[in-house]
Amino acid sequence: MLADSSLGPKARRTLRDYDQGLLRYQEDLRRLIEVPAGRRITPQEDSSWAR
């Protein structure tokens, strides 16, 4: 996380949102990789659909 005190609050908020988005993206990738090949994840099984 870039915590630069010279950035304004909006820039810091944007960076924080970007970091959180990256973490969610990594979680989703990991979830996809863990699913056995050929098996589909239904929206009911996948918690990321609720976001």
PDB file of N, CA and C in Angstrom:
ATOM      1  N   MET A   1       0.848  -1.195   0.000  1.00  0.00           N
ATOM      2  CA  MET A   1       0.000   0.000   0.000  1.00  0.00           C
ATOM      3  C   MET A   1       0.883   1.245   0.000  1.00  0.00           C
ATOM      4  N   LEU A   2       0.582   2.164  -0.874  1.00  0.00           N
ATOM      5  CA  LEU A   2       1.322   3.420  -0.905  1.00  0.00           C
ATOM      6  C   LEU A   2       0.667   4.379   0.079  1.00  0.00           C
ATOM      7  N   ALA A   3       1.354   4.668   1.164  1.00  0.00           N
ATOM      8  CA  ALA A   3       0.803   5.587   2.161  1.00  0.00           C
ATOM      9  C   ALA A   3       1.607   6.878   2.125  1.00  0.00           C
ATOM     10  N   ASP A   4       1.361   7.691   1.123  1.00  0.00           N
ATOM     11  CA  ASP A   4       2.117   8.925   0.930  1.00  0.00           C
ATOM     12  C   ASP A   4       1.327  10.083   1.520  1.00  0.00           C
ATOM     13  N   SER A   5       1.885  10.726   2.552  1.00  0.00           N
ATOM     14  CA  SER A   5       1.166  11.792   3.243  1.00  0.00           C
ATOM     15  C   SER A   5       0.982  13.032   2.370  1.00  0.00           C
ATOM     16  N   SER A   6       1.722  13.110   1.261  1.00  0.00           N
ATOM     17  CA  SER A   6       1.575  14.273   0.390  1.00  0.00           C
ATOM     18  C   SER A   6       0.339  14.158  -0.508  1.00  0.00           C
ATOM     19  N   LEU A   7      -0.256  12.964  -0.564  1.00  0.00           N
ATOM     20  CA  LEU A   7      -1.458  12.774  -1.370  1.00  0.00           C
ATOM     21  C   LEU A   7      -2.678  13.305  -0.621  1.00  0.00           C
ATOM     22  N   GLY A   8      -3.617  13.811  -1.368  1.00  0.00           N
ATOM     23  CA  GLY A   8      -4.853  14.279  -0.752  1.00  0.00           C
ATOM     24  C   GLY A   8      -5.739  13.101  -0.372  1.00  0.00           C
ATOM     25  N   PRO A   9      -6.801  13.368   0.382  1.00  0.00           N
ATOM     26  CA  PRO A   9      -7.676  12.283   0.840  1.00  0.00           C
ATOM     27  C   PRO A   9      -8.322  11.518  -0.310  1.00  0.00           C
ATOM     28  N   LYS A  10      -8.665  12.208  -1.390  1.00  0.00           N
ATOM     29  CA  LYS A  10      -9.291  11.515  -2.510  1.00  0.00           C
ATOM     30  C   LYS A  10      -8.325  10.541  -3.163  1.00  0.00           C
ATOM     31  N   ALA A  11      -7.064  10.964  -3.328  1.00  0.00           N
ATOM     32  CA  ALA A  11      -6.055  10.082  -3.911  1.00  0.00           C
ATOM     33  C   ALA A  11      -5.800   8.882  -3.006  1.00  0.00           C
ATOM     34  N   ARG A  12      -5.745   9.124  -1.709  1.00  0.00           N
ATOM     35  CA  ARG A  12      -5.530   8.007  -0.776  1.00  0.00           C
ATOM     36  C   ARG A  12      -6.697   7.029  -0.827  1.00  0.00           C
ATOM     37  N   ARG A  13      -7.918   7.572  -0.918  1.00  0.00           N
ATOM     38  CA  ARG A  13      -9.098   6.712  -0.984  1.00  0.00           C
ATOM     39  C   ARG A  13      -9.058   5.880  -2.267  1.00  0.00           C
ATOM     40  N   THR A  14      -8.658   6.501  -3.364  1.00  0.00           N
ATOM     41  CA  THR A  14      -8.562   5.783  -4.637  1.00  0.00           C
ATOM     42  C   THR A  14      -7.550   4.648  -4.540  1.00  0.00           C
ATOM     43  N   LEU A  15      -6.404   4.929  -3.926  1.00  0.00           N
ATOM     44  CA  LEU A  15      -5.386   3.888  -3.754  1.00  0.00           C
ATOM     45  C   LEU A  15      -5.898   2.752  -2.886  1.00  0.00           C
ATOM     46  N   ARG A  16      -6.620   3.102  -1.821  1.00  0.00           N
ATOM     47  CA  ARG A  16      -7.156   2.060  -0.933  1.00  0.00           C
ATOM     48  C   ARG A  16      -8.163   1.191  -1.687  1.00  0.00           C
ATOM     49  N   ASP A  17      -9.044   1.822  -2.451  1.00  0.00           N
ATOM     50  CA  ASP A  17     -10.016   1.064  -3.239  1.00  0.00           C
ATOM     51  C   ASP A  17      -9.309   0.165  -4.237  1.00  0.00           C
ATOM     52  N   TYR A  18      -8.245   0.677  -4.839  1.00  0.00           N
ATOM     53  CA  TYR A  18      -7.474  -0.094  -5.810  1.00  0.00           C
ATOM     54  C   TYR A  18      -6.858  -1.319  -5.139  1.00  0.00           C
ATOM     55  N   ASP A  19      -6.283  -1.120  -3.952  1.00  0.00           N
ATOM     56  CA  ASP A  19      -5.693  -2.243  -3.211  1.00  0.00           C
ATOM     57  C   ASP A  19      -6.748  -3.289  -2.881  1.00  0.00           C
ATOM     58  N   GLN A  20      -7.918  -2.839  -2.413  1.00  0.00           N
ATOM     59  CA  GLN A  20      -8.982  -3.782  -2.057  1.00  0.00           C
ATOM     60  C   GLN A  20      -9.464  -4.524  -3.301  1.00  0.00           C
ATOM     61  N   GLY A  21      -9.539  -3.817  -4.422  1.00  0.00           N
ATOM     62  CA  GLY A  21      -9.936  -4.469  -5.663  1.00  0.00           C
ATOM     63  C   GLY A  21      -8.941  -5.535  -6.074  1.00  0.00           C
ATOM     64  N   LEU A  22      -7.663  -5.241  -5.913  1.00  0.00           N
ATOM     65  CA  LEU A  22      -6.626  -6.227  -6.239  1.00  0.00           C
ATOM     66  C   LEU A  22      -6.755  -7.457  -5.348  1.00  0.00           C
ATOM     67  N   LEU A  23      -7.005  -7.255  -4.063  1.00  0.00           N
ATOM     68  CA  LEU A  23      -7.147  -8.384  -3.150  1.00  0.00           C
ATOM     69  C   LEU A  23      -8.341  -9.246  -3.545  1.00  0.00           C
ATOM     70  N   ARG A  24      -9.464  -8.594  -3.880  1.00  0.00           N
ATOM     71  CA  ARG A  24     -10.643  -9.352  -4.316  1.00  0.00           C
ATOM     72  C   ARG A  24     -10.342 -10.130  -5.593  1.00  0.00           C
ATOM     73  N   TYR A  25      -9.616  -9.488  -6.520  1.00  0.00           N
ATOM     74  CA  TYR A  25      -9.257 -10.126  -7.778  1.00  0.00           C
ATOM     75  C   TYR A  25      -8.406 -11.371  -7.517  1.00  0.00           C
ATOM     76  N   GLN A  26      -7.449 -11.249  -6.599  1.00  0.00           N
ATOM     77  CA  GLN A  26      -6.600 -12.390  -6.261  1.00  0.00           C
ATOM     78  C   GLN A  26      -7.426 -13.512  -5.643  1.00  0.00           C
ATOM     79  N   GLU A  27      -8.367 -13.161  -4.766  1.00  0.00           N
ATOM     80  CA  GLU A  27      -9.237 -14.167  -4.156  1.00  0.00           C
ATOM     81  C   GLU A  27     -10.042 -14.888  -5.232  1.00  0.00           C
ATOM     82  N   ASP A  28     -10.612 -14.127  -6.162  1.00  0.00           N
ATOM     83  CA  ASP A  28     -11.411 -14.723  -7.224  1.00  0.00           C
ATOM     84  C   ASP A  28     -10.566 -15.645  -8.092  1.00  0.00           C
ATOM     85  N   LEU A  29      -9.336 -15.218  -8.414  1.00  0.00           N
ATOM     86  CA  LEU A  29      -8.443 -16.065  -9.203  1.00  0.00           C
ATOM     87  C   LEU A  29      -8.141 -17.362  -8.472  1.00  0.00           C
ATOM     88  N   ARG A  30      -7.851 -17.237  -7.182  1.00  0.00           N
ATOM     89  CA  ARG A  30      -7.541 -18.431  -6.386  1.00  0.00           C
ATOM     90  C   ARG A  30      -8.734 -19.373  -6.385  1.00  0.00           C
ATOM     91  N   ARG A  31      -9.946 -18.808  -6.242  1.00  0.00           N
ATOM     92  CA  ARG A  31     -11.151 -19.627  -6.223  1.00  0.00           C
ATOM     93  C   ARG A  31     -11.321 -20.353  -7.556  1.00  0.00           C
ATOM     94  N   LEU A  32     -11.058 -19.639  -8.655  1.00  0.00           N
ATOM     95  CA  LEU A  32     -11.177 -20.265  -9.966  1.00  0.00           C
ATOM     96  C   LEU A  32     -10.169 -21.401 -10.133  1.00  0.00           C
ATOM     97  N   ILE A  33      -8.955 -21.171  -9.658  1.00  0.00           N
ATOM     98  CA  ILE A  33      -7.905 -22.180  -9.795  1.00  0.00           C
ATOM     99  C   ILE A  33      -8.231 -23.418  -8.968  1.00  0.00           C
ATOM    100  N   GLU A  34      -8.848 -23.221  -7.795  1.00  0.00           N
ATOM    101  CA  GLU A  34      -9.149 -24.346  -6.907  1.00  0.00           C
ATOM    102  C   GLU A  34     -10.284 -25.221  -7.433  1.00  0.00           C
ATOM    103  N   VAL A  35     -11.125 -24.678  -8.309  1.00  0.00           N
ATOM    104  CA  VAL A  35     -12.251 -25.443  -8.835  1.00  0.00           C
ATOM    105  C   VAL A  35     -11.727 -26.509  -9.795  1.00  0.00           C
ATOM    106  N   PRO A  36     -12.156 -27.760  -9.629  1.00  0.00           N
ATOM    107  CA  PRO A  36     -11.709 -28.815 -10.539  1.00  0.00           C
ATOM    108  C   PRO A  36     -12.069 -28.473 -11.984  1.00  0.00           C
ATOM    109  N   ALA A  37     -11.235 -28.883 -12.904  1.00  0.00           N
ATOM    110  CA  ALA A  37     -11.462 -28.577 -14.317  1.00  0.00           C
ATOM    111  C   ALA A  37     -12.811 -29.133 -14.764  1.00  0.00           C
ATOM    112  N   GLY A  38     -13.537 -28.316 -15.538  1.00  0.00           N
ATOM    113  CA  GLY A  38     -14.814 -28.760 -16.073  1.00  0.00           C
ATOM    114  C   GLY A  38     -15.987 -28.515 -15.141  1.00  0.00           C
ATOM    115  N   ARG A  39     -15.722 -28.146 -13.915  1.00  0.00           N
ATOM    116  CA  ARG A  39     -16.813 -27.898 -12.968  1.00  0.00           C
ATOM    117  C   ARG A  39     -17.150 -26.415 -12.986  1.00  0.00           C
ATOM    118  N   ARG A  40     -18.447 -26.118 -13.082  1.00  0.00           N
ATOM    119  CA  ARG A  40     -18.887 -24.725 -13.106  1.00  0.00           C
ATOM    120  C   ARG A  40     -19.251 -24.278 -11.702  1.00  0.00           C
ATOM    121  N   ILE A  41     -18.909 -22.999 -11.396  1.00  0.00           N
ATOM    122  CA  ILE A  41     -19.346 -22.423 -10.122  1.00  0.00           C
ATOM    123  C   ILE A  41     -20.673 -21.718 -10.378  1.00  0.00           C
ATOM    124  N   THR A  42     -21.676 -22.104  -9.623  1.00  0.00           N
ATOM    125  CA  THR A  42     -22.959 -21.420  -9.770  1.00  0.00           C
ATOM    126  C   THR A  42     -22.935 -20.147  -8.927  1.00  0.00           C
ATOM    127  N   PRO A  43     -23.731 -19.151  -9.305  1.00  0.00           N
ATOM    128  CA  PRO A  43     -23.773 -17.907  -8.521  1.00  0.00           C
ATOM    129  C   PRO A  43     -24.102 -18.148  -7.048  1.00  0.00           C
ATOM    130  N   GLN A  44     -24.914 -19.176  -6.757  1.00  0.00           N
ATOM    131  CA  GLN A  44     -25.274 -19.458  -5.370  1.00  0.00           C
ATOM    132  C   GLN A  44     -24.063 -19.914  -4.563  1.00  0.00           C
ATOM    133  N   GLU A  45     -23.151 -20.633  -5.202  1.00  0.00           N
ATOM    134  CA  GLU A  45     -21.967 -21.123  -4.503  1.00  0.00           C
ATOM    135  C   GLU A  45     -20.921 -20.034  -4.320  1.00  0.00           C
ATOM    136  N   ASP A  46     -20.901 -19.082  -5.231  1.00  0.00           N
ATOM    137  CA  ASP A  46     -19.806 -18.124  -5.289  1.00  0.00           C
ATOM    138  C   ASP A  46     -20.178 -16.842  -4.548  1.00  0.00           C
ATOM    139  N   SER A  47     -19.529 -16.604  -3.416  1.00  0.00           N
ATOM    140  CA  SER A  47     -19.883 -15.448  -2.583  1.00  0.00           C
ATOM    141  C   SER A  47     -19.577 -14.126  -3.269  1.00  0.00           C
ATOM    142  N   SER A  48     -18.653 -14.131  -4.242  1.00  0.00           N
ATOM    143  CA  SER A  48     -18.287 -12.862  -4.878  1.00  0.00           C
ATOM    144  C   SER A  48     -19.436 -12.298  -5.721  1.00  0.00           C
ATOM    145  N   TRP A  49     -20.406 -13.139  -6.078  1.00  0.00           N
ATOM    146  CA  TRP A  49     -21.561 -12.641  -6.850  1.00  0.00           C
ATOM    147  C   TRP A  49     -22.432 -11.715  -6.006  1.00  0.00           C
ATOM    148  N   ALA A  50     -22.374 -11.909  -4.691  1.00  0.00           N
ATOM    149  CA  ALA A  50     -23.232 -11.114  -3.800  1.00  0.00           C
ATOM    150  C   ALA A  50     -22.704  -9.695  -3.632  1.00  0.00           C
ATOM    151  N   ARG A  51     -21.453  -9.462  -4.013  1.00  0.00           N
ATOM    152  CA  ARG A  51     -20.868  -8.135  -3.832  1.00  0.00           C
ATOM    153  C   ARG A  51     -21.420  -7.143  -4.843  1.00  0.00           C
TER     154      ARG A  51
END
